[in-house]
Amino acid sequence: MDFNALHHQNHPLLIANVWDASSALAAQQAGYHALGTSSAAIASLLGYEDGEGMHFDELLFIVTRIKAVTALPLSVDLEAGYGNTTSRIIENIRCLAQAGVIGINLEDSHVVNGVRSLDDAHAFADRLQEITEACPGMFINVRTDTFLLNVEDTLEQTIYRGQLYAARGANGFFVPGVTQPDSIAALAQHVTLPLNVMCMPMIPDFATLASLGVRRISMGNFIHAATQSRLKELLSKVQQNQNFVDIFSHENNR
C-alpha cells in the first residue's frame, strides 16, 4: 500500500515520529507502517532549538541515515521549508525526494527570535501552489498552527485555511493542538483533506479519533521527550547510588 493510500483506510495511519536511525529501527520492529521525523527531536539531538535552528544539510544527513536502515515510508518535518524563497524550498524538497522521502510536513508559520507567528493565509497558499506543482510526487501535509497559537475564531480560521490549502494542491491537513471532539469532527467534515492530529494530553483514544474522521495520528516530539526524561533519570540514579543496579533492573522484571 502506497503512502497516500495509508491515509484513506478504515482506521487512521499512526505515524511513528523518529529522530535518528536507532529510533527508526525501533519503530519498524514495533510494527509501524510509516515514519515521520520530528523537527524538535532532531534539533534537540543536534543541540539546536526548534524552529529551523539547524542547517538543511544537517537535517538531510539525519534523513539519509534513517533511510539507510529502513525501507518504511518516511515523511520529513520540513518546518517552514528551510529557505527564504520558494525556489529554495522546492530545491530542498527535491533533495529529500532523491534521498527516498515520500512526504513532508510544511507549516504556515515561522519562528523568529523564538516567537512563532502565522503566515498570511493567501501568501502561504500561493507559495504552496508553486511547490505542489513543482513536486507532484511528494505527499505534502500542510500544518497550520491556529490551535497551538490560539488565534481568534480558531475553528473557523482553521477550516478556512484548510479549504484554501486543499484548493492549492495540499495532500493532507495537520492541525496540532486540536483535542476537542466537536472541533475535530468539524475539521474532518469541512476540509476534504485527510485530517492529521497530534499527541496531546487530552487527545481522545484512537478509536474515537477514527470515528471523528481523523486519518493520521502523529506523536510530535513527545516520544523523544519521554525517552530523554528516562535517560536523565537513569544517569541521575547511577550518580546518586554509585552503582549500575537501575540500568539492569528491567531485566529482573522479565
C-alpha atoms as a PDB file:
ATOM      1  CA  MET A   1       0.000   0.000   0.000  1.00  0.00           C
ATOM      2  CA  ASP A   2       1.475   3.370  -1.009  1.00  0.00           C
ATOM      3  CA  PHE A   3       1.790   6.294   1.384  1.00  0.00           C
ATOM      4  CA  ASN A   4      -1.203   8.186   0.027  1.00  0.00           C
ATOM      5  CA  ALA A   5      -3.414   5.096   0.347  1.00  0.00           C
ATOM      6  CA  LEU A   6      -2.407   4.753   4.006  1.00  0.00           C
ATOM      7  CA  HIS A   7      -4.372   7.984   4.597  1.00  0.00           C
ATOM      8  CA  HIS A   8      -7.602   6.501   3.210  1.00  0.00           C
ATOM      9  CA  GLN A   9      -8.096   3.371   5.306  1.00  0.00           C
ATOM     10  CA  ASN A  10     -10.862   2.480   7.739  1.00  0.00           C
ATOM     11  CA  HIS A  11      -8.530   3.345  10.615  1.00  0.00           C
ATOM     12  CA  PRO A  12      -6.100   6.261  10.988  1.00  0.00           C
ATOM     13  CA  LEU A  13      -2.453   5.942   9.983  1.00  0.00           C
ATOM     14  CA  LEU A  14      -0.376   6.028  13.177  1.00  0.00           C
ATOM     15  CA  ILE A  15       2.930   7.687  12.320  1.00  0.00           C
ATOM     16  CA  ALA A  16       5.977   6.890  14.450  1.00  0.00           C
ATOM     17  CA  ASN A  17       7.875  10.152  14.875  1.00  0.00           C
ATOM     18  CA  VAL A  18      11.596   9.379  14.924  1.00  0.00           C
ATOM     19  CA  TRP A  19      14.812  11.360  15.145  1.00  0.00           C
ATOM     20  CA  ASP A  20      17.661   9.025  14.144  1.00  0.00           C
ATOM     21  CA  ALA A  21      18.446   5.599  12.728  1.00  0.00           C
ATOM     22  CA  SER A  22      18.038   3.764  16.034  1.00  0.00           C
ATOM     23  CA  SER A  23      14.601   5.229  16.764  1.00  0.00           C
ATOM     24  CA  ALA A  24      13.546   4.402  13.197  1.00  0.00           C
ATOM     25  CA  LEU A  25      14.628   0.789  13.679  1.00  0.00           C
ATOM     26  CA  ALA A  26      12.759   0.621  16.986  1.00  0.00           C
ATOM     27  CA  ALA A  27       9.588   1.841  15.261  1.00  0.00           C
ATOM     28  CA  GLN A  28       9.999  -0.702  12.484  1.00  0.00           C
ATOM     29  CA  GLN A  29      10.486  -3.511  14.992  1.00  0.00           C
ATOM     30  CA  ALA A  30       7.367  -2.344  16.840  1.00  0.00           C
ATOM     31  CA  GLY A  31       5.310  -2.856  13.699  1.00  0.00           C
ATOM     32  CA  TYR A  32       4.694   0.689  12.456  1.00  0.00           C
ATOM     33  CA  HIS A  33       3.825   1.102   8.777  1.00  0.00           C
ATOM     34  CA  ALA A  34       5.253   4.594   8.253  1.00  0.00           C
ATOM     35  CA  LEU A  35       7.690   7.030   9.847  1.00  0.00           C
ATOM     36  CA  GLY A  36       7.778  10.776  10.260  1.00  0.00           C
ATOM     37  CA  THR A  37      10.656  12.835  11.559  1.00  0.00           C
ATOM     38  CA  SER A  38      10.202  15.250  14.455  1.00  0.00           C
ATOM     39  CA  SER A  39      11.952  18.559  13.804  1.00  0.00           C
ATOM     40  CA  ALA A  40      12.061  19.335  17.528  1.00  0.00           C
ATOM     41  CA  ALA A  41      13.607  15.950  18.329  1.00  0.00           C
ATOM     42  CA  ILE A  42      16.261  16.215  15.616  1.00  0.00           C
ATOM     43  CA  ALA A  43      17.070  19.774  16.677  1.00  0.00           C
ATOM     44  CA  SER A  44      17.492  18.566  20.266  1.00  0.00           C
ATOM     45  CA  LEU A  45      19.652  15.659  19.106  1.00  0.00           C
ATOM     46  CA  LEU A  46      21.998  18.098  17.356  1.00  0.00           C
ATOM     47  CA  GLY A  47      21.960  20.708  20.120  1.00  0.00           C
ATOM     48  CA  TYR A  48      19.687  23.279  18.484  1.00  0.00           C
ATOM     49  CA  GLU A  49      16.448  24.973  19.429  1.00  0.00           C
ATOM     50  CA  ASP A  50      13.439  24.006  17.337  1.00  0.00           C
ATOM     51  CA  GLY A  51      12.434  26.390  14.580  1.00  0.00           C
ATOM     52  CA  GLU A  52      14.955  25.804  11.766  1.00  0.00           C
ATOM     53  CA  GLY A  53      17.960  26.436  14.009  1.00  0.00           C
ATOM     54  CA  MET A  54      19.886  23.698  12.218  1.00  0.00           C
ATOM     55  CA  HIS A  55      21.030  23.819   8.599  1.00  0.00           C
ATOM     56  CA  PHE A  56      19.098  21.896   5.977  1.00  0.00           C
ATOM     57  CA  ASP A  57      22.190  19.807   5.198  1.00  0.00           C
ATOM     58  CA  GLU A  58      22.205  18.570   8.793  1.00  0.00           C
ATOM     59  CA  LEU A  59      18.566  17.557   8.518  1.00  0.00           C
ATOM     60  CA  LEU A  60      19.301  15.839   5.203  1.00  0.00           C
ATOM     61  CA  PHE A  61      22.142  13.853   6.787  1.00  0.00           C
ATOM     62  CA  ILE A  62      19.839  12.521   9.519  1.00  0.00           C
ATOM     63  CA  VAL A  63      17.230  11.648   6.896  1.00  0.00           C
ATOM     64  CA  THR A  64      19.756   9.701   4.812  1.00  0.00           C
ATOM     65  CA  ARG A  65      20.827   7.698   7.871  1.00  0.00           C
ATOM     66  CA  ILE A  66      17.197   6.841   8.636  1.00  0.00           C
ATOM     67  CA  LYS A  67      16.632   5.751   5.039  1.00  0.00           C
ATOM     68  CA  ALA A  68      19.806   3.645   5.200  1.00  0.00           C
ATOM     69  CA  VAL A  69      18.350   1.365   7.878  1.00  0.00           C
ATOM     70  CA  THR A  70      14.661   1.086   6.969  1.00  0.00           C
ATOM     71  CA  ALA A  71      12.516   0.911   3.849  1.00  0.00           C
ATOM     72  CA  LEU A  72       9.399   2.161   5.647  1.00  0.00           C
ATOM     73  CA  PRO A  73       7.746   5.201   4.041  1.00  0.00           C
ATOM     74  CA  LEU A  74       9.308   8.339   5.522  1.00  0.00           C
ATOM     75  CA  SER A  75       7.743  11.785   5.805  1.00  0.00           C
ATOM     76  CA  VAL A  76      10.041  14.624   6.864  1.00  0.00           C
ATOM     77  CA  ASP A  77       9.105  17.589   9.018  1.00  0.00           C
ATOM     78  CA  LEU A  78      10.428  20.402   6.836  1.00  0.00           C
ATOM     79  CA  GLU A  79       9.040  23.106   9.151  1.00  0.00           C
ATOM     80  CA  ALA A  80       8.633  26.267   7.032  1.00  0.00           C
ATOM     81  CA  GLY A  81      10.823  24.876   4.250  1.00  0.00           C
ATOM     82  CA  TYR A  82      14.381  25.820   5.256  1.00  0.00           C
ATOM     83  CA  GLY A  83      14.506  28.510   2.596  1.00  0.00           C
ATOM     84  CA  ASN A  84      13.753  32.195   2.185  1.00  0.00           C
ATOM     85  CA  THR A  85      12.478  31.712  -1.350  1.00  0.00           C
ATOM     86  CA  THR A  86      10.012  29.312  -2.896  1.00  0.00           C
ATOM     87  CA  SER A  87      12.664  28.074  -5.320  1.00  0.00           C
ATOM     88  CA  ARG A  88      14.965  27.153  -2.446  1.00  0.00           C
ATOM     89  CA  ILE A  89      12.184  25.272  -0.666  1.00  0.00           C
ATOM     90  CA  ILE A  90      11.457  23.363  -3.881  1.00  0.00           C
ATOM     91  CA  GLU A  91      15.151  22.526  -4.195  1.00  0.00           C
ATOM     92  CA  ASN A  92      15.158  21.199  -0.622  1.00  0.00           C
ATOM     93  CA  ILE A  93      12.101  19.035  -1.307  1.00  0.00           C
ATOM     94  CA  ARG A  94      13.724  17.600  -4.401  1.00  0.00           C
ATOM     95  CA  CYS A  95      16.836  16.745  -2.377  1.00  0.00           C
ATOM     96  CA  LEU A  96      14.635  14.866   0.083  1.00  0.00           C
ATOM     97  CA  ALA A  97      12.897  13.060  -2.768  1.00  0.00           C
ATOM     98  CA  GLN A  98      16.274  11.940  -4.116  1.00  0.00           C
ATOM     99  CA  ALA A  99      17.036  10.558  -0.650  1.00  0.00           C
ATOM    100  CA  GLY A 100      13.884   8.416  -0.807  1.00  0.00           C
ATOM    101  CA  VAL A 101      11.486  10.622   1.178  1.00  0.00           C
ATOM    102  CA  ILE A 102       7.850  10.346   0.077  1.00  0.00           C
ATOM    103  CA  GLY A 103       6.206  13.063   2.177  1.00  0.00           C
ATOM    104  CA  ILE A 104       6.845  16.304   4.026  1.00  0.00           C
ATOM    105  CA  ASN A 105       5.179  18.487   6.614  1.00  0.00           C
ATOM    106  CA  LEU A 106       5.137  22.146   5.614  1.00  0.00           C
ATOM    107  CA  GLU A 107       3.829  24.690   8.108  1.00  0.00           C
ATOM    108  CA  ASP A 108       2.106  28.042   7.602  1.00  0.00           C
ATOM    109  CA  SER A 109       4.046  29.781  10.369  1.00  0.00           C
ATOM    110  CA  HIS A 110       7.579  30.944  11.110  1.00  0.00           C
ATOM    111  CA  VAL A 111       9.683  31.137  14.267  1.00  0.00           C
ATOM    112  CA  VAL A 112      11.557  34.438  14.588  1.00  0.00           C
ATOM    113  CA  ASN A 113      13.617  35.155  17.708  1.00  0.00           C
ATOM    114  CA  GLY A 114      11.889  32.292  19.479  1.00  0.00           C
ATOM    115  CA  VAL A 115       8.372  33.533  18.698  1.00  0.00           C
ATOM    116  CA  ARG A 116       6.077  31.635  16.310  1.00  0.00           C
ATOM    117  CA  SER A 117       3.681  33.637  14.137  1.00  0.00           C
ATOM    118  CA  LEU A 118       1.168  32.588  11.491  1.00  0.00           C
ATOM    119  CA  ASP A 119       1.866  33.488   7.876  1.00  0.00           C
ATOM    120  CA  ASP A 120      -0.714  35.303   5.814  1.00  0.00           C
ATOM    121  CA  ALA A 121      -3.006  32.538   4.564  1.00  0.00           C
ATOM    122  CA  HIS A 122      -3.120  33.681   0.926  1.00  0.00           C
ATOM    123  CA  ALA A 123       0.616  34.345   0.691  1.00  0.00           C
ATOM    124  CA  PHE A 124       1.279  30.859   2.041  1.00  0.00           C
ATOM    125  CA  ALA A 125      -1.304  29.342  -0.312  1.00  0.00           C
ATOM    126  CA  ASP A 126       0.347  30.988  -3.315  1.00  0.00           C
ATOM    127  CA  ARG A 127       3.704  29.514  -2.288  1.00  0.00           C
ATOM    128  CA  LEU A 128       2.083  26.155  -1.628  1.00  0.00           C
ATOM    129  CA  GLN A 129       0.643  26.023  -5.137  1.00  0.00           C
ATOM    130  CA  GLU A 130       4.066  26.642  -6.676  1.00  0.00           C
ATOM    131  CA  ILE A 131       5.514  23.893  -4.508  1.00  0.00           C
ATOM    132  CA  THR A 132       2.823  21.326  -5.237  1.00  0.00           C
ATOM    133  CA  GLU A 133       3.072  21.961  -8.979  1.00  0.00           C
ATOM    134  CA  ALA A 134       6.867  21.622  -8.887  1.00  0.00           C
ATOM    135  CA  CYS A 135       6.871  18.489  -6.671  1.00  0.00           C
ATOM    136  CA  PRO A 136       3.898  16.396  -7.875  1.00  0.00           C
ATOM    137  CA  GLY A 137       5.153  13.102  -6.411  1.00  0.00           C
ATOM    138  CA  MET A 138       5.550  14.393  -2.856  1.00  0.00           C
ATOM    139  CA  PHE A 139       2.797  13.978  -0.244  1.00  0.00           C
ATOM    140  CA  ILE A 140       2.574  17.496   1.206  1.00  0.00           C
ATOM    141  CA  ASN A 141       0.959  17.526   4.625  1.00  0.00           C
ATOM    142  CA  VAL A 142       0.268  21.160   5.460  1.00  0.00           C
ATOM    143  CA  ARG A 143       0.467  22.072   9.122  1.00  0.00           C
ATOM    144  CA  THR A 144      -1.440  25.032  10.491  1.00  0.00           C
ATOM    145  CA  ASP A 145      -0.749  26.332  13.999  1.00  0.00           C
ATOM    146  CA  THR A 146      -4.048  28.088  14.561  1.00  0.00           C
ATOM    147  CA  PHE A 147      -4.885  25.938  17.587  1.00  0.00           C
ATOM    148  CA  LEU A 148      -1.385  25.991  19.057  1.00  0.00           C
ATOM    149  CA  LEU A 149      -1.335  29.797  18.800  1.00  0.00           C
ATOM    150  CA  ASN A 150      -4.953  30.115  19.973  1.00  0.00           C
ATOM    151  CA  VAL A 151      -5.881  32.581  17.242  1.00  0.00           C
ATOM    152  CA  GLU A 152      -9.203  34.393  17.296  1.00  0.00           C
ATOM    153  CA  ASP A 153     -12.111  32.317  15.912  1.00  0.00           C
ATOM    154  CA  THR A 154      -9.794  29.332  15.920  1.00  0.00           C
ATOM    155  CA  LEU A 155     -12.074  26.721  14.383  1.00  0.00           C
ATOM    156  CA  GLU A 156     -13.412  28.998  11.635  1.00  0.00           C
ATOM    157  CA  GLN A 157      -9.923  30.214  10.761  1.00  0.00           C
ATOM    158  CA  THR A 158      -8.616  26.644  10.656  1.00  0.00           C
ATOM    159  CA  ILE A 159     -11.400  25.456   8.361  1.00  0.00           C
ATOM    160  CA  TYR A 160     -10.820  28.452   6.101  1.00  0.00           C
ATOM    161  CA  ARG A 161      -7.113  27.707   5.822  1.00  0.00           C
ATOM    162  CA  GLY A 162      -7.718  24.007   5.277  1.00  0.00           C
ATOM    163  CA  GLN A 163     -10.134  24.655   2.413  1.00  0.00           C
ATOM    164  CA  LEU A 164      -7.741  27.172   0.894  1.00  0.00           C
ATOM    165  CA  TYR A 165      -4.780  24.806   1.061  1.00  0.00           C
ATOM    166  CA  ALA A 166      -6.828  21.941  -0.366  1.00  0.00           C
ATOM    167  CA  ALA A 167      -7.595  24.117  -3.387  1.00  0.00           C
ATOM    168  CA  ARG A 168      -3.878  24.797  -3.854  1.00  0.00           C
ATOM    169  CA  GLY A 169      -2.797  21.161  -4.012  1.00  0.00           C
ATOM    170  CA  ALA A 170      -2.099  20.034  -0.441  1.00  0.00           C
ATOM    171  CA  ASN A 171      -2.393  16.290   0.204  1.00  0.00           C
ATOM    172  CA  GLY A 172      -3.037  16.367   3.947  1.00  0.00           C
ATOM    173  CA  PHE A 173      -4.027  18.807   6.697  1.00  0.00           C
ATOM    174  CA  PHE A 174      -2.161  18.733  10.014  1.00  0.00           C
ATOM    175  CA  VAL A 175      -3.715  20.569  12.969  1.00  0.00           C
ATOM    176  CA  PRO A 176      -1.571  20.132  16.098  1.00  0.00           C
ATOM    177  CA  GLY A 177      -3.206  21.246  19.320  1.00  0.00           C
ATOM    178  CA  VAL A 178      -6.802  20.356  18.476  1.00  0.00           C
ATOM    179  CA  THR A 179      -8.203  17.956  21.089  1.00  0.00           C
ATOM    180  CA  GLN A 180     -11.934  18.635  21.461  1.00  0.00           C
ATOM    181  CA  PRO A 181     -14.073  16.012  19.669  1.00  0.00           C
ATOM    182  CA  ASP A 182     -16.517  18.552  18.219  1.00  0.00           C
ATOM    183  CA  SER A 183     -13.690  20.616  16.726  1.00  0.00           C
ATOM    184  CA  ILE A 184     -12.003  17.524  15.284  1.00  0.00           C
ATOM    185  CA  ALA A 185     -15.275  16.354  13.741  1.00  0.00           C
ATOM    186  CA  ALA A 186     -15.927  19.793  12.223  1.00  0.00           C
ATOM    187  CA  LEU A 187     -12.485  19.885  10.640  1.00  0.00           C
ATOM    188  CA  ALA A 188     -12.913  16.409   9.171  1.00  0.00           C
ATOM    189  CA  GLN A 189     -16.341  17.355   7.835  1.00  0.00           C
ATOM    190  CA  HIS A 190     -15.499  20.729   6.276  1.00  0.00           C
ATOM    191  CA  VAL A 191     -11.969  20.129   4.933  1.00  0.00           C
ATOM    192  CA  THR A 192     -11.660  17.469   2.245  1.00  0.00           C
ATOM    193  CA  LEU A 193      -8.015  16.671   3.005  1.00  0.00           C
ATOM    194  CA  PRO A 194      -7.070  13.724   5.266  1.00  0.00           C
ATOM    195  CA  LEU A 195      -7.007  15.185   8.787  1.00  0.00           C
ATOM    196  CA  ASN A 196      -3.853  14.716  10.874  1.00  0.00           C
ATOM    197  CA  VAL A 197      -3.931  15.333  14.645  1.00  0.00           C
ATOM    198  CA  MET A 198      -1.083  15.134  17.154  1.00  0.00           C
ATOM    199  CA  CYS A 199      -0.461  13.508  20.521  1.00  0.00           C
ATOM    200  CA  MET A 200      -1.594  15.846  23.302  1.00  0.00           C
ATOM    201  CA  PRO A 201      -2.518  15.228  26.962  1.00  0.00           C
ATOM    202  CA  MET A 202      -6.273  15.473  26.288  1.00  0.00           C
ATOM    203  CA  ILE A 203      -6.436  13.858  22.838  1.00  0.00           C
ATOM    204  CA  PRO A 204      -9.137  11.132  22.555  1.00  0.00           C
ATOM    205  CA  ASP A 205      -8.170   7.486  22.065  1.00  0.00           C
ATOM    206  CA  PHE A 206      -7.521   6.196  18.573  1.00  0.00           C
ATOM    207  CA  ALA A 207     -10.912   4.522  18.133  1.00  0.00           C
ATOM    208  CA  THR A 208     -12.664   7.790  18.980  1.00  0.00           C
ATOM    209  CA  LEU A 209     -10.404   9.735  16.635  1.00  0.00           C
ATOM    210  CA  ALA A 210     -11.279   7.301  13.850  1.00  0.00           C
ATOM    211  CA  SER A 211     -14.996   7.798  14.482  1.00  0.00           C
ATOM    212  CA  LEU A 212     -14.494  11.574  14.283  1.00  0.00           C
ATOM    213  CA  GLY A 213     -12.919  11.309  10.826  1.00  0.00           C
ATOM    214  CA  VAL A 214      -9.192  11.521  11.642  1.00  0.00           C
ATOM    215  CA  ARG A 215      -6.974   9.894   9.026  1.00  0.00           C
ATOM    216  CA  ARG A 216      -3.489  10.335  10.512  1.00  0.00           C
ATOM    217  CA  ILE A 217      -2.129  10.488  14.072  1.00  0.00           C
ATOM    218  CA  SER A 218       1.290  11.938  14.886  1.00  0.00           C
ATOM    219  CA  MET A 219       3.414  11.833  18.023  1.00  0.00           C
ATOM    220  CA  GLY A 220       5.308  15.112  17.665  1.00  0.00           C
ATOM    221  CA  ASN A 221       8.274  15.362  19.999  1.00  0.00           C
ATOM    222  CA  PHE A 222       6.580  13.591  22.908  1.00  0.00           C
ATOM    223  CA  ILE A 223       8.152  10.132  22.491  1.00  0.00           C
ATOM    224  CA  HIS A 224      11.587  11.713  22.221  1.00  0.00           C
ATOM    225  CA  ALA A 225      10.914  13.882  25.276  1.00  0.00           C
ATOM    226  CA  ALA A 226       9.818  10.841  27.297  1.00  0.00           C
ATOM    227  CA  THR A 227      12.946   8.977  26.194  1.00  0.00           C
ATOM    228  CA  GLN A 228      15.160  11.890  27.253  1.00  0.00           C
ATOM    229  CA  SER A 229      13.403  12.050  30.599  1.00  0.00           C
ATOM    230  CA  ARG A 230      14.122   8.355  31.185  1.00  0.00           C
ATOM    231  CA  LEU A 231      17.756   8.869  30.180  1.00  0.00           C
ATOM    232  CA  LYS A 232      18.184  11.705  32.679  1.00  0.00           C
ATOM    233  CA  GLU A 233      16.541   9.577  35.363  1.00  0.00           C
ATOM    234  CA  LEU A 234      18.943   6.673  34.769  1.00  0.00           C
ATOM    235  CA  LEU A 235      22.024   8.883  34.700  1.00  0.00           C
ATOM    236  CA  SER A 236      20.947  10.561  37.926  1.00  0.00           C
ATOM    237  CA  LYS A 237      20.369   7.218  39.675  1.00  0.00           C
ATOM    238  CA  VAL A 238      23.800   5.922  38.685  1.00  0.00           C
ATOM    239  CA  GLN A 239      25.373   9.083  40.048  1.00  0.00           C
ATOM    240  CA  GLN A 240      23.336   9.088  43.252  1.00  0.00           C
ATOM    241  CA  ASN A 241      23.539   5.369  44.044  1.00  0.00           C
ATOM    242  CA  GLN A 242      27.099   4.808  42.840  1.00  0.00           C
ATOM    243  CA  ASN A 243      26.156   1.533  41.153  1.00  0.00           C
ATOM    244  CA  PHE A 244      24.530   0.267  37.945  1.00  0.00           C
ATOM    245  CA  VAL A 245      21.595  -1.592  39.511  1.00  0.00           C
ATOM    246  CA  ASP A 246      18.937   0.621  37.937  1.00  0.00           C
ATOM    247  CA  ILE A 247      20.294   0.091  34.438  1.00  0.00           C
ATOM    248  CA  PHE A 248      19.644  -3.634  34.671  1.00  0.00           C
ATOM    249  CA  SER A 249      16.507  -3.544  36.834  1.00  0.00           C
ATOM    250  CA  HIS A 250      14.254  -4.066  33.804  1.00  0.00           C
ATOM    251  CA  GLU A 251      15.898  -7.449  33.177  1.00  0.00           C
ATOM    252  CA  ASN A 252      14.699  -8.663  36.574  1.00  0.00           C
ATOM    253  CA  ASN A 253      11.121  -7.830  35.598  1.00  0.00           C
ATOM    254  CA  ARG A 254      11.037 -10.046  32.529  1.00  0.00           C
END
